[in-house]
């Protein structure tokens, strides 16, 4: 009969517990515990602290952990949801994935990043004649217009085209008092987040907001369509299709390819089209680049050379640039 000493029991308690194919002196372990762990062969010992091997699929372990968290009702961070979307390419089609990503990005996007800038706002002046107002409405194809007073910083209200057309239809000979048809303008700061603005649009039934800068001056405007396009992508109507191409190929000039580029063309789109790398730290559009290099609003026919390109203003008025002609520089033109 083997006599167990106190020292022997102390060593037994301090030693790591292991599983073997046959029973040892540690077989006093609760059977419920041992049944949860895989048994090893007779010549292999597995510490109880060992973990099962990770899954072989890329991101499978993390993916299933997130699913379990969702079932338990635990909150997720925005970064975790974005990671999950990146790992669910086989579950969601690209359009669904882009839309869900757009929903998350709307909460982080500020109005200043997507607004229509002040210089590109299509407005109706309070003192414009009847035919001039109709020309603006027909040419633009829009349904809502800011009405201004002395300048663009004085926005009197929003005019709906249907209200003006109803007046012309019901009282064609009556004098027009545009103030009678104005609706209050919603004014928002440049820093407002798009998800907050979308909720305000929905609650107030307004579809247009005037954006002001920190000094109270008008910086631009934003419509509910602009916000929704950040989620679902571009929403083109009949008028948009006429102006879909911001960069168009023109006939060669001086033996070099020539392109007509809208001033509103974003620097990122320009870089992608021409496979170049223009920096957009101080401006967002090609029109902004030209104005930045000249230091003022350019006149028609003025040229700018920048980063291997020749920019020539082909269409502009006293308030904005509309179109720029673009050519790549050659060694000969660079020397000039």
C-alpha atoms as a PDB file:
ATOM      1  CA  UNK A   1       0.000   0.000   0.000  1.00  0.00           C
ATOM      2  CA  UNK A   2       1.385   3.362  -1.121  1.00  0.00           C
ATOM      3  CA  UNK A   3       1.537   6.012   1.587  1.00  0.00           C
ATOM      4  CA  UNK A   4       0.654   9.571   0.342  1.00  0.00           C
ATOM      5  CA  UNK A   5       2.517  12.323   2.081  1.00  0.00           C
ATOM      6  CA  UNK A   6       1.652  16.012   2.403  1.00  0.00           C
ATOM      7  CA  UNK A   7       4.574  16.896   0.139  1.00  0.00           C
ATOM      8  CA  UNK A   8       3.320  14.458  -2.471  1.00  0.00           C
ATOM      9  CA  UNK A   9      -0.138  16.097  -2.487  1.00  0.00           C
ATOM     10  CA  UNK A  10       1.395  19.559  -2.797  1.00  0.00           C
ATOM     11  CA  UNK A  11       3.376  18.513  -5.872  1.00  0.00           C
ATOM     12  CA  UNK A  12       0.291  16.954  -7.385  1.00  0.00           C
ATOM     13  CA  UNK A  13      -1.731  20.126  -6.985  1.00  0.00           C
ATOM     14  CA  UNK A  14       0.979  22.368  -8.445  1.00  0.00           C
ATOM     15  CA  UNK A  15       1.716  20.168 -11.471  1.00  0.00           C
ATOM     16  CA  UNK A  16      -0.121  20.868 -14.775  1.00  0.00           C
ATOM     17  CA  UNK A  17      -3.136  18.693 -15.365  1.00  0.00           C
ATOM     18  CA  UNK A  18      -2.946  16.697 -18.566  1.00  0.00           C
ATOM     19  CA  UNK A  19      -5.010  14.209 -20.525  1.00  0.00           C
ATOM     20  CA  UNK A  20      -3.616  10.884 -21.630  1.00  0.00           C
ATOM     21  CA  UNK A  21      -5.092   8.003 -23.474  1.00  0.00           C
ATOM     22  CA  UNK A  22      -5.119   5.955 -20.252  1.00  0.00           C
ATOM     23  CA  UNK A  23      -6.092   6.997 -16.738  1.00  0.00           C
ATOM     24  CA  UNK A  24      -3.446   8.451 -14.415  1.00  0.00           C
ATOM     25  CA  UNK A  25      -3.497   9.743 -10.850  1.00  0.00           C
ATOM     26  CA  UNK A  26      -5.347  12.814 -12.179  1.00  0.00           C
ATOM     27  CA  UNK A  27      -8.447  10.805 -13.049  1.00  0.00           C
ATOM     28  CA  UNK A  28     -10.223  12.565 -10.168  1.00  0.00           C
ATOM     29  CA  UNK A  29     -10.961  15.365 -12.692  1.00  0.00           C
ATOM     30  CA  UNK A  30     -14.665  15.837 -13.229  1.00  0.00           C
ATOM     31  CA  UNK A  31     -15.812  13.809 -16.211  1.00  0.00           C
ATOM     32  CA  UNK A  32     -17.903  16.785 -17.350  1.00  0.00           C
ATOM     33  CA  UNK A  33     -14.744  18.800 -17.802  1.00  0.00           C
ATOM     34  CA  UNK A  34     -12.798  16.152 -19.679  1.00  0.00           C
ATOM     35  CA  UNK A  35     -15.655  15.458 -22.063  1.00  0.00           C
ATOM     36  CA  UNK A  36     -15.411  19.022 -23.408  1.00  0.00           C
ATOM     37  CA  UNK A  37     -11.823  18.639 -24.544  1.00  0.00           C
ATOM     38  CA  UNK A  38     -10.458  16.334 -27.231  1.00  0.00           C
ATOM     39  CA  UNK A  39      -8.543  13.305 -26.017  1.00  0.00           C
ATOM     40  CA  UNK A  40      -5.002  12.797 -27.231  1.00  0.00           C
ATOM     41  CA  UNK A  41      -3.251   9.624 -28.142  1.00  0.00           C
ATOM     42  CA  UNK A  42      -1.380   7.621 -25.566  1.00  0.00           C
ATOM     43  CA  UNK A  43       1.952   9.204 -26.426  1.00  0.00           C
ATOM     44  CA  UNK A  44       0.714  12.797 -26.661  1.00  0.00           C
ATOM     45  CA  UNK A  45      -0.099  15.169 -23.850  1.00  0.00           C
ATOM     46  CA  UNK A  46      -2.212  18.290 -24.333  1.00  0.00           C
ATOM     47  CA  UNK A  47      -2.194  21.038 -21.686  1.00  0.00           C
ATOM     48  CA  UNK A  48      -5.640  22.168 -20.557  1.00  0.00           C
ATOM     49  CA  UNK A  49      -4.709  25.744 -21.514  1.00  0.00           C
ATOM     50  CA  UNK A  50      -4.307  24.800 -25.173  1.00  0.00           C
ATOM     51  CA  UNK A  51      -6.775  26.427 -27.621  1.00  0.00           C
ATOM     52  CA  UNK A  52      -8.329  24.859 -30.713  1.00  0.00           C
ATOM     53  CA  UNK A  53      -6.630  25.778 -33.992  1.00  0.00           C
ATOM     54  CA  UNK A  54      -7.826  28.870 -35.802  1.00  0.00           C
ATOM     55  CA  UNK A  55     -10.104  28.532 -38.801  1.00  0.00           C
ATOM     56  CA  UNK A  56      -8.481  28.145 -42.157  1.00  0.00           C
ATOM     57  CA  UNK A  57     -10.732  30.682 -43.938  1.00  0.00           C
ATOM     58  CA  UNK A  58      -9.592  34.288 -44.095  1.00  0.00           C
ATOM     59  CA  UNK A  59     -11.379  36.281 -41.426  1.00  0.00           C
ATOM     60  CA  UNK A  60     -13.737  33.395 -40.566  1.00  0.00           C
ATOM     61  CA  UNK A  61     -13.021  33.487 -36.861  1.00  0.00           C
ATOM     62  CA  UNK A  62     -13.563  37.245 -36.615  1.00  0.00           C
ATOM     63  CA  UNK A  63     -16.641  37.049 -38.812  1.00  0.00           C
ATOM     64  CA  UNK A  64     -18.350  34.410 -36.667  1.00  0.00           C
ATOM     65  CA  UNK A  65     -17.423  36.249 -33.490  1.00  0.00           C
ATOM     66  CA  UNK A  66     -19.224  39.300 -34.840  1.00  0.00           C
ATOM     67  CA  UNK A  67     -22.256  37.207 -35.758  1.00  0.00           C
ATOM     68  CA  UNK A  68     -22.376  35.828 -32.219  1.00  0.00           C
ATOM     69  CA  UNK A  69     -22.147  39.355 -30.833  1.00  0.00           C
ATOM     70  CA  UNK A  70     -25.053  40.409 -33.050  1.00  0.00           C
ATOM     71  CA  UNK A  71     -27.182  37.484 -31.809  1.00  0.00           C
ATOM     72  CA  UNK A  72     -26.408  38.483 -28.215  1.00  0.00           C
ATOM     73  CA  UNK A  73     -27.459  42.053 -28.940  1.00  0.00           C
ATOM     74  CA  UNK A  74     -24.067  43.588 -28.180  1.00  0.00           C
ATOM     75  CA  UNK A  75     -23.290  47.008 -29.652  1.00  0.00           C
ATOM     76  CA  UNK A  76     -20.847  47.326 -32.542  1.00  0.00           C
ATOM     77  CA  UNK A  77     -18.522  50.180 -33.309  1.00  0.00           C
ATOM     78  CA  UNK A  78     -18.631  51.877 -36.708  1.00  0.00           C
ATOM     79  CA  UNK A  79     -15.198  50.446 -37.547  1.00  0.00           C
ATOM     80  CA  UNK A  80     -16.358  46.900 -36.792  1.00  0.00           C
ATOM     81  CA  UNK A  81     -19.356  47.279 -39.095  1.00  0.00           C
ATOM     82  CA  UNK A  82     -17.141  48.602 -41.885  1.00  0.00           C
ATOM     83  CA  UNK A  83     -14.753  45.667 -41.408  1.00  0.00           C
ATOM     84  CA  UNK A  84     -17.676  43.267 -41.570  1.00  0.00           C
ATOM     85  CA  UNK A  85     -18.835  44.789 -44.862  1.00  0.00           C
ATOM     86  CA  UNK A  86     -15.339  44.330 -46.290  1.00  0.00           C
ATOM     87  CA  UNK A  87     -15.413  40.646 -45.311  1.00  0.00           C
ATOM     88  CA  UNK A  88     -18.888  39.992 -46.719  1.00  0.00           C
ATOM     89  CA  UNK A  89     -18.036  40.297 -50.418  1.00  0.00           C
ATOM     90  CA  UNK A  90     -19.369  36.791 -51.056  1.00  0.00           C
ATOM     91  CA  UNK A  91     -22.654  37.574 -49.288  1.00  0.00           C
ATOM     92  CA  UNK A  92     -23.524  41.032 -50.658  1.00  0.00           C
ATOM     93  CA  UNK A  93     -23.363  42.136 -54.262  1.00  0.00           C
ATOM     94  CA  UNK A  94     -21.186  45.219 -55.010  1.00  0.00           C
ATOM     95  CA  UNK A  95     -24.172  47.572 -55.281  1.00  0.00           C
ATOM     96  CA  UNK A  96     -25.538  46.547 -51.882  1.00  0.00           C
ATOM     97  CA  UNK A  97     -22.091  46.821 -50.340  1.00  0.00           C
ATOM     98  CA  UNK A  98     -21.560  50.317 -51.785  1.00  0.00           C
ATOM     99  CA  UNK A  99     -24.948  51.460 -50.509  1.00  0.00           C
ATOM    100  CA  UNK A 100     -24.329  50.208 -46.973  1.00  0.00           C
ATOM    101  CA  UNK A 101     -20.888  51.817 -47.009  1.00  0.00           C
ATOM    102  CA  UNK A 102     -22.496  55.057 -48.177  1.00  0.00           C
ATOM    103  CA  UNK A 103     -24.912  54.973 -45.240  1.00  0.00           C
ATOM    104  CA  UNK A 104     -21.984  54.782 -42.825  1.00  0.00           C
ATOM    105  CA  UNK A 105     -20.000  57.503 -44.593  1.00  0.00           C
ATOM    106  CA  UNK A 106     -22.948  59.941 -44.564  1.00  0.00           C
ATOM    107  CA  UNK A 107     -22.603  60.201 -40.795  1.00  0.00           C
ATOM    108  CA  UNK A 108     -18.985  61.342 -41.198  1.00  0.00           C
ATOM    109  CA  UNK A 109     -19.430  63.681 -44.194  1.00  0.00           C
ATOM    110  CA  UNK A 110     -19.882  67.422 -43.717  1.00  0.00           C
ATOM    111  CA  UNK A 111     -22.043  69.677 -45.867  1.00  0.00           C
ATOM    112  CA  UNK A 112     -19.039  71.635 -47.199  1.00  0.00           C
ATOM    113  CA  UNK A 113     -17.719  68.476 -48.894  1.00  0.00           C
ATOM    114  CA  UNK A 114     -20.712  67.950 -51.201  1.00  0.00           C
ATOM    115  CA  UNK A 115     -22.496  71.328 -51.461  1.00  0.00           C
ATOM    116  CA  UNK A 116     -22.942  73.279 -54.689  1.00  0.00           C
ATOM    117  CA  UNK A 117     -20.543  76.222 -54.311  1.00  0.00           C
ATOM    118  CA  UNK A 118     -21.826  79.789 -54.232  1.00  0.00           C
ATOM    119  CA  UNK A 119     -20.436  80.656 -57.671  1.00  0.00           C
ATOM    120  CA  UNK A 120     -22.319  77.730 -59.271  1.00  0.00           C
ATOM    121  CA  UNK A 121     -25.695  78.401 -57.655  1.00  0.00           C
ATOM    122  CA  UNK A 122     -28.514  79.001 -60.131  1.00  0.00           C
ATOM    123  CA  UNK A 123     -30.597  81.789 -58.646  1.00  0.00           C
ATOM    124  CA  UNK A 124     -33.448  84.124 -59.573  1.00  0.00           C
ATOM    125  CA  UNK A 125     -33.055  87.806 -58.865  1.00  0.00           C
ATOM    126  CA  UNK A 126     -35.928  89.631 -57.221  1.00  0.00           C
ATOM    127  CA  UNK A 127     -36.059  92.321 -59.919  1.00  0.00           C
ATOM    128  CA  UNK A 128     -35.785  89.983 -62.912  1.00  0.00           C
ATOM    129  CA  UNK A 129     -38.436  90.235 -65.573  1.00  0.00           C
ATOM    130  CA  UNK A 130     -41.011  87.561 -66.248  1.00  0.00           C
ATOM    131  CA  UNK A 131     -39.328  86.227 -69.389  1.00  0.00           C
ATOM    132  CA  UNK A 132     -35.902  86.187 -67.755  1.00  0.00           C
ATOM    133  CA  UNK A 133     -37.259  84.064 -64.903  1.00  0.00           C
ATOM    134  CA  UNK A 134     -38.826  81.640 -67.359  1.00  0.00           C
ATOM    135  CA  UNK A 135     -35.556  81.388 -69.284  1.00  0.00           C
ATOM    136  CA  UNK A 136     -33.670  80.484 -66.084  1.00  0.00           C
ATOM    137  CA  UNK A 137     -36.228  77.810 -65.156  1.00  0.00           C
ATOM    138  CA  UNK A 138     -36.343  76.241 -68.607  1.00  0.00           C
ATOM    139  CA  UNK A 139     -32.589  76.295 -69.196  1.00  0.00           C
ATOM    140  CA  UNK A 140     -31.669  74.836 -65.805  1.00  0.00           C
ATOM    141  CA  UNK A 141     -34.414  72.237 -65.541  1.00  0.00           C
ATOM    142  CA  UNK A 142     -34.517  72.670 -61.760  1.00  0.00           C
ATOM    143  CA  UNK A 143     -37.641  72.872 -59.613  1.00  0.00           C
ATOM    144  CA  UNK A 144     -36.396  75.096 -56.755  1.00  0.00           C
ATOM    145  CA  UNK A 145     -34.481  78.370 -56.910  1.00  0.00           C
ATOM    146  CA  UNK A 146     -33.047  80.709 -54.282  1.00  0.00           C
ATOM    147  CA  UNK A 147     -34.327  84.246 -54.812  1.00  0.00           C
ATOM    148  CA  UNK A 148     -31.728  86.907 -54.016  1.00  0.00           C
ATOM    149  CA  UNK A 149     -31.841  90.640 -53.428  1.00  0.00           C
ATOM    150  CA  UNK A 150     -28.814  92.886 -53.912  1.00  0.00           C
ATOM    151  CA  UNK A 151     -26.329  90.000 -54.027  1.00  0.00           C
ATOM    152  CA  UNK A 152     -26.009  86.294 -53.253  1.00  0.00           C
ATOM    153  CA  UNK A 153     -25.553  86.937 -49.553  1.00  0.00           C
ATOM    154  CA  UNK A 154     -29.126  88.241 -49.426  1.00  0.00           C
ATOM    155  CA  UNK A 155     -31.305  85.160 -49.918  1.00  0.00           C
ATOM    156  CA  UNK A 156     -34.935  86.219 -49.615  1.00  0.00           C
ATOM    157  CA  UNK A 157     -36.445  82.758 -49.860  1.00  0.00           C
ATOM    158  CA  UNK A 158     -36.981  79.721 -52.091  1.00  0.00           C
ATOM    159  CA  UNK A 159     -39.171  79.872 -55.190  1.00  0.00           C
ATOM    160  CA  UNK A 160     -40.761  76.692 -56.546  1.00  0.00           C
ATOM    161  CA  UNK A 161     -41.103  76.592 -60.309  1.00  0.00           C
ATOM    162  CA  UNK A 162     -44.599  75.126 -60.038  1.00  0.00           C
ATOM    163  CA  UNK A 163     -45.786  78.179 -58.062  1.00  0.00           C
ATOM    164  CA  UNK A 164     -44.443  80.553 -60.685  1.00  0.00           C
ATOM    165  CA  UNK A 165     -45.865  78.534 -63.571  1.00  0.00           C
ATOM    166  CA  UNK A 166     -49.250  78.391 -61.839  1.00  0.00           C
ATOM    167  CA  UNK A 167     -49.255  82.194 -61.668  1.00  0.00           C
ATOM    168  CA  UNK A 168     -48.428  82.492 -65.380  1.00  0.00           C
ATOM    169  CA  UNK A 169     -51.170  79.989 -66.208  1.00  0.00           C
ATOM    170  CA  UNK A 170     -53.945  81.431 -64.027  1.00  0.00           C
ATOM    171  CA  UNK A 171     -53.089  85.134 -64.286  1.00  0.00           C
ATOM    172  CA  UNK A 172     -51.012  85.605 -67.454  1.00  0.00           C
ATOM    173  CA  UNK A 173     -51.585  89.357 -67.571  1.00  0.00           C
ATOM    174  CA  UNK A 174     -51.369  90.103 -63.859  1.00  0.00           C
ATOM    175  CA  UNK A 175     -48.291  91.808 -62.428  1.00  0.00           C
ATOM    176  CA  UNK A 176     -45.909  89.391 -60.781  1.00  0.00           C
ATOM    177  CA  UNK A 177     -44.892  89.969 -57.158  1.00  0.00           C
ATOM    178  CA  UNK A 178     -42.358  87.191 -56.606  1.00  0.00           C
ATOM    179  CA  UNK A 179     -42.255  87.798 -52.835  1.00  0.00           C
ATOM    180  CA  UNK A 180     -45.821  86.461 -52.657  1.00  0.00           C
ATOM    181  CA  UNK A 181     -44.649  82.993 -53.694  1.00  0.00           C
ATOM    182  CA  UNK A 182     -41.457  82.730 -51.635  1.00  0.00           C
ATOM    183  CA  UNK A 183     -41.049  79.980 -49.075  1.00  0.00           C
ATOM    184  CA  UNK A 184     -38.715  80.308 -46.079  1.00  0.00           C
ATOM    185  CA  UNK A 185     -35.126  79.290 -46.766  1.00  0.00           C
ATOM    186  CA  UNK A 186     -33.528  76.704 -44.501  1.00  0.00           C
ATOM    187  CA  UNK A 187     -30.069  77.943 -43.457  1.00  0.00           C
ATOM    188  CA  UNK A 188     -27.383  75.502 -42.281  1.00  0.00           C
ATOM    189  CA  UNK A 189     -23.660  75.735 -41.395  1.00  0.00           C
ATOM    190  CA  UNK A 190     -20.910  74.201 -43.520  1.00  0.00           C
ATOM    191  CA  UNK A 191     -19.948  71.850 -40.709  1.00  0.00           C
ATOM    192  CA  UNK A 192     -23.329  70.095 -40.380  1.00  0.00           C
ATOM    193  CA  UNK A 193     -23.236  66.332 -40.890  1.00  0.00           C
ATOM    194  CA  UNK A 194     -25.240  64.889 -43.770  1.00  0.00           C
ATOM    195  CA  UNK A 195     -27.120  62.356 -41.640  1.00  0.00           C
ATOM    196  CA  UNK A 196     -28.385  65.180 -39.404  1.00  0.00           C
ATOM    197  CA  UNK A 197     -29.356  67.257 -42.435  1.00  0.00           C
ATOM    198  CA  UNK A 198     -31.227  64.346 -44.004  1.00  0.00           C
ATOM    199  CA  UNK A 199     -33.329  63.988 -40.860  1.00  0.00           C
ATOM    200  CA  UNK A 200     -34.068  67.739 -40.909  1.00  0.00           C
ATOM    201  CA  UNK A 201     -35.102  67.537 -44.561  1.00  0.00           C
ATOM    202  CA  UNK A 202     -37.474  64.699 -43.710  1.00  0.00           C
ATOM    203  CA  UNK A 203     -38.993  66.419 -40.681  1.00  0.00           C
ATOM    204  CA  UNK A 204     -39.378  69.871 -42.240  1.00  0.00           C
ATOM    205  CA  UNK A 205     -40.378  68.708 -45.753  1.00  0.00           C
ATOM    206  CA  UNK A 206     -37.760  71.074 -47.182  1.00  0.00           C
ATOM    207  CA  UNK A 207     -35.702  69.835 -50.121  1.00  0.00           C
ATOM    208  CA  UNK A 208     -33.142  72.647 -50.300  1.00  0.00           C
ATOM    209  CA  UNK A 209     -30.925  74.371 -47.755  1.00  0.00           C
ATOM    210  CA  UNK A 210     -28.700  77.454 -48.005  1.00  0.00           C
ATOM    211  CA  UNK A 211     -25.195  76.851 -46.630  1.00  0.00           C
ATOM    212  CA  UNK A 212     -23.455  79.685 -44.776  1.00  0.00           C
ATOM    213  CA  UNK A 213     -19.845  79.996 -43.653  1.00  0.00           C
ATOM    214  CA  UNK A 214     -18.566  80.982 -40.213  1.00  0.00           C
ATOM    215  CA  UNK A 215     -18.998  84.691 -41.054  1.00  0.00           C
ATOM    216  CA  UNK A 216     -22.634  84.324 -42.085  1.00  0.00           C
ATOM    217  CA  UNK A 217     -22.003  84.691 -45.818  1.00  0.00           C
ATOM    218  CA  UNK A 218     -23.599  82.329 -48.313  1.00  0.00           C
ATOM    219  CA  UNK A 219     -21.156  79.528 -49.185  1.00  0.00           C
ATOM    220  CA  UNK A 220     -23.442  77.420 -51.365  1.00  0.00           C
ATOM    221  CA  UNK A 221     -26.546  75.273 -51.297  1.00  0.00           C
ATOM    222  CA  UNK A 222     -27.480  71.634 -50.881  1.00  0.00           C
ATOM    223  CA  UNK A 223     -30.552  69.636 -51.896  1.00  0.00           C
ATOM    224  CA  UNK A 224     -31.976  66.393 -50.605  1.00  0.00           C
ATOM    225  CA  UNK A 225     -30.976  64.787 -53.903  1.00  0.00           C
ATOM    226  CA  UNK A 226     -27.328  65.646 -53.233  1.00  0.00           C
ATOM    227  CA  UNK A 227     -27.520  63.886 -49.859  1.00  0.00           C
ATOM    228  CA  UNK A 228     -29.244  60.786 -51.232  1.00  0.00           C
ATOM    229  CA  UNK A 229     -26.656  60.516 -54.012  1.00  0.00           C
ATOM    230  CA  UNK A 230     -23.986  60.101 -51.340  1.00  0.00           C
ATOM    231  CA  UNK A 231     -25.800  56.903 -50.311  1.00  0.00           C
ATOM    232  CA  UNK A 232     -27.150  55.367 -53.520  1.00  0.00           C
ATOM    233  CA  UNK A 233     -24.832  56.952 -56.090  1.00  0.00           C
ATOM    234  CA  UNK A 234     -25.608  59.387 -58.883  1.00  0.00           C
ATOM    235  CA  UNK A 235     -29.299  59.963 -59.606  1.00  0.00           C
ATOM    236  CA  UNK A 236     -29.497  61.154 -63.201  1.00  0.00           C
ATOM    237  CA  UNK A 237     -32.606  62.762 -64.636  1.00  0.00           C
ATOM    238  CA  UNK A 238     -33.247  63.940 -68.192  1.00  0.00           C
ATOM    239  CA  UNK A 239     -31.334  67.162 -67.663  1.00  0.00           C
ATOM    240  CA  UNK A 240     -28.381  65.446 -65.979  1.00  0.00           C
ATOM    241  CA  UNK A 241     -27.878  63.209 -68.995  1.00  0.00           C
ATOM    242  CA  UNK A 242     -27.208  66.234 -71.166  1.00  0.00           C
ATOM    243  CA  UNK A 243     -24.355  67.277 -68.891  1.00  0.00           C
ATOM    244  CA  UNK A 244     -23.079  63.848 -67.843  1.00  0.00           C
ATOM    245  CA  UNK A 245     -19.663  64.210 -69.513  1.00  0.00           C
ATOM    246  CA  UNK A 246     -17.502  66.629 -67.565  1.00  0.00           C
ATOM    247  CA  UNK A 247     -14.487  65.875 -69.778  1.00  0.00           C
ATOM    248  CA  UNK A 248     -14.939  65.683 -73.547  1.00  0.00           C
ATOM    249  CA  UNK A 249     -12.418  65.115 -76.320  1.00  0.00           C
ATOM    250  CA  UNK A 250     -12.150  67.976 -78.810  1.00  0.00           C
ATOM    251  CA  UNK A 251     -10.320  68.381 -82.115  1.00  0.00           C
ATOM    252  CA  UNK A 252      -6.533  68.577 -81.927  1.00  0.00           C
ATOM    253  CA  UNK A 253      -4.974  72.013 -81.597  1.00  0.00           C
ATOM    254  CA  UNK A 254      -1.348  72.713 -82.561  1.00  0.00           C
ATOM    255  CA  UNK A 255      -0.838  69.005 -83.121  1.00  0.00           C
ATOM    256  CA  UNK A 256      -1.831  68.080 -79.572  1.00  0.00           C
ATOM    257  CA  UNK A 257      -4.993  66.409 -78.218  1.00  0.00           C
ATOM    258  CA  UNK A 258      -7.381  68.898 -76.667  1.00  0.00           C
ATOM    259  CA  UNK A 259     -10.090  68.368 -74.047  1.00  0.00           C
ATOM    260  CA  UNK A 260     -13.041  70.486 -72.932  1.00  0.00           C
ATOM    261  CA  UNK A 261     -13.253  70.250 -69.135  1.00  0.00           C
ATOM    262  CA  UNK A 262     -16.103  71.625 -67.053  1.00  0.00           C
ATOM    263  CA  UNK A 263     -14.911  73.934 -64.277  1.00  0.00           C
ATOM    264  CA  UNK A 264     -16.890  71.864 -61.753  1.00  0.00           C
ATOM    265  CA  UNK A 265     -14.865  68.735 -62.570  1.00  0.00           C
ATOM    266  CA  UNK A 266     -13.404  67.452 -59.321  1.00  0.00           C
ATOM    267  CA  UNK A 267      -9.637  67.086 -59.034  1.00  0.00           C
ATOM    268  CA  UNK A 268      -9.993  63.379 -58.189  1.00  0.00           C
ATOM    269  CA  UNK A 269     -12.003  62.770 -61.373  1.00  0.00           C
ATOM    270  CA  UNK A 270      -9.476  64.749 -63.429  1.00  0.00           C
ATOM    271  CA  UNK A 271      -6.609  62.705 -61.971  1.00  0.00           C
ATOM    272  CA  UNK A 272      -8.387  59.454 -62.737  1.00  0.00           C
ATOM    273  CA  UNK A 273      -9.164  60.452 -66.337  1.00  0.00           C
ATOM    274  CA  UNK A 274      -5.675  61.742 -67.192  1.00  0.00           C
ATOM    275  CA  UNK A 275      -3.827  59.316 -64.888  1.00  0.00           C
ATOM    276  CA  UNK A 276      -2.043  62.180 -63.142  1.00  0.00           C
ATOM    277  CA  UNK A 277      -1.635  63.392 -59.585  1.00  0.00           C
ATOM    278  CA  UNK A 278      -2.783  66.994 -59.161  1.00  0.00           C
ATOM    279  CA  UNK A 279      -2.831  68.079 -55.536  1.00  0.00           C
ATOM    280  CA  UNK A 280      -6.191  69.299 -54.173  1.00  0.00           C
ATOM    281  CA  UNK A 281      -5.222  70.650 -50.763  1.00  0.00           C
ATOM    282  CA  UNK A 282      -6.401  74.202 -51.524  1.00  0.00           C
ATOM    283  CA  UNK A 283      -9.234  73.530 -54.010  1.00  0.00           C
ATOM    284  CA  UNK A 284     -11.660  70.805 -55.041  1.00  0.00           C
ATOM    285  CA  UNK A 285     -12.331  71.513 -58.725  1.00  0.00           C
ATOM    286  CA  UNK A 286     -10.486  72.457 -61.916  1.00  0.00           C
ATOM    287  CA  UNK A 287     -12.108  75.878 -61.798  1.00  0.00           C
ATOM    288  CA  UNK A 288     -10.754  76.315 -58.275  1.00  0.00           C
ATOM    289  CA  UNK A 289      -7.274  75.308 -59.456  1.00  0.00           C
ATOM    290  CA  UNK A 290      -7.259  77.928 -62.226  1.00  0.00           C
ATOM    291  CA  UNK A 291      -8.524  80.660 -59.880  1.00  0.00           C
ATOM    292  CA  UNK A 292      -5.958  79.670 -57.240  1.00  0.00           C
ATOM    293  CA  UNK A 293      -3.057  79.863 -59.697  1.00  0.00           C
ATOM    294  CA  UNK A 294      -4.145  83.242 -61.086  1.00  0.00           C
ATOM    295  CA  UNK A 295      -5.145  84.635 -57.700  1.00  0.00           C
ATOM    296  CA  UNK A 296      -8.407  86.051 -59.083  1.00  0.00           C
ATOM    297  CA  UNK A 297     -11.401  85.215 -61.257  1.00  0.00           C
ATOM    298  CA  UNK A 298      -9.969  84.726 -64.763  1.00  0.00           C
ATOM    299  CA  UNK A 299     -11.297  86.179 -67.985  1.00  0.00           C
ATOM    300  CA  UNK A 300     -12.045  84.252 -71.130  1.00  0.00           C
ATOM    301  CA  UNK A 301      -8.882  83.358 -73.040  1.00  0.00           C
ATOM    302  CA  UNK A 302      -6.519  83.494 -70.050  1.00  0.00           C
ATOM    303  CA  UNK A 303      -4.105  80.576 -69.691  1.00  0.00           C
ATOM    304  CA  UNK A 304      -2.418  78.762 -66.827  1.00  0.00           C
ATOM    305  CA  UNK A 305       0.407  76.204 -66.966  1.00  0.00           C
ATOM    306  CA  UNK A 306       0.382  73.783 -64.059  1.00  0.00           C
ATOM    307  CA  UNK A 307       1.937  70.373 -63.392  1.00  0.00           C
ATOM    308  CA  UNK A 308       2.371  69.411 -67.054  1.00  0.00           C
ATOM    309  CA  UNK A 309      -0.952  70.786 -68.333  1.00  0.00           C
ATOM    310  CA  UNK A 310      -2.043  73.894 -70.227  1.00  0.00           C
ATOM    311  CA  UNK A 311      -5.366  75.295 -68.984  1.00  0.00           C
ATOM    312  CA  UNK A 312      -7.171  77.894 -71.095  1.00  0.00           C
ATOM    313  CA  UNK A 313     -10.457  79.461 -69.980  1.00  0.00           C
ATOM    314  CA  UNK A 314     -12.903  79.139 -72.876  1.00  0.00           C
ATOM    315  CA  UNK A 315     -16.183  80.086 -71.189  1.00  0.00           C
ATOM    316  CA  UNK A 316     -16.659  82.357 -68.174  1.00  0.00           C
ATOM    317  CA  UNK A 317     -18.628  85.350 -66.967  1.00  0.00           C
ATOM    318  CA  UNK A 318     -18.096  87.979 -64.282  1.00  0.00           C
ATOM    319  CA  UNK A 319     -18.910  85.556 -61.473  1.00  0.00           C
ATOM    320  CA  UNK A 320     -17.714  82.096 -62.442  1.00  0.00           C
ATOM    321  CA  UNK A 321     -15.741  79.845 -64.784  1.00  0.00           C
ATOM    322  CA  UNK A 322     -17.770  77.426 -66.876  1.00  0.00           C
ATOM    323  CA  UNK A 323     -15.397  75.546 -69.203  1.00  0.00           C
ATOM    324  CA  UNK A 324     -11.635  75.132 -69.549  1.00  0.00           C
ATOM    325  CA  UNK A 325      -9.655  73.799 -72.507  1.00  0.00           C
ATOM    326  CA  UNK A 326      -6.909  71.383 -71.383  1.00  0.00           C
ATOM    327  CA  UNK A 327      -3.831  70.093 -73.205  1.00  0.00           C
ATOM    328  CA  UNK A 328      -0.812  68.173 -72.002  1.00  0.00           C
ATOM    329  CA  UNK A 329       2.441  70.034 -72.188  1.00  0.00           C
ATOM    330  CA  UNK A 330       5.227  68.797 -74.473  1.00  0.00           C
ATOM    331  CA  UNK A 331       9.003  69.396 -74.124  1.00  0.00           C
ATOM    332  CA  UNK A 332       8.660  72.175 -76.726  1.00  0.00           C
ATOM    333  CA  UNK A 333       5.823  73.966 -74.915  1.00  0.00           C
ATOM    334  CA  UNK A 334       7.570  73.590 -71.567  1.00  0.00           C
ATOM    335  CA  UNK A 335      10.623  75.295 -73.030  1.00  0.00           C
ATOM    336  CA  UNK A 336       8.466  78.195 -74.169  1.00  0.00           C
END
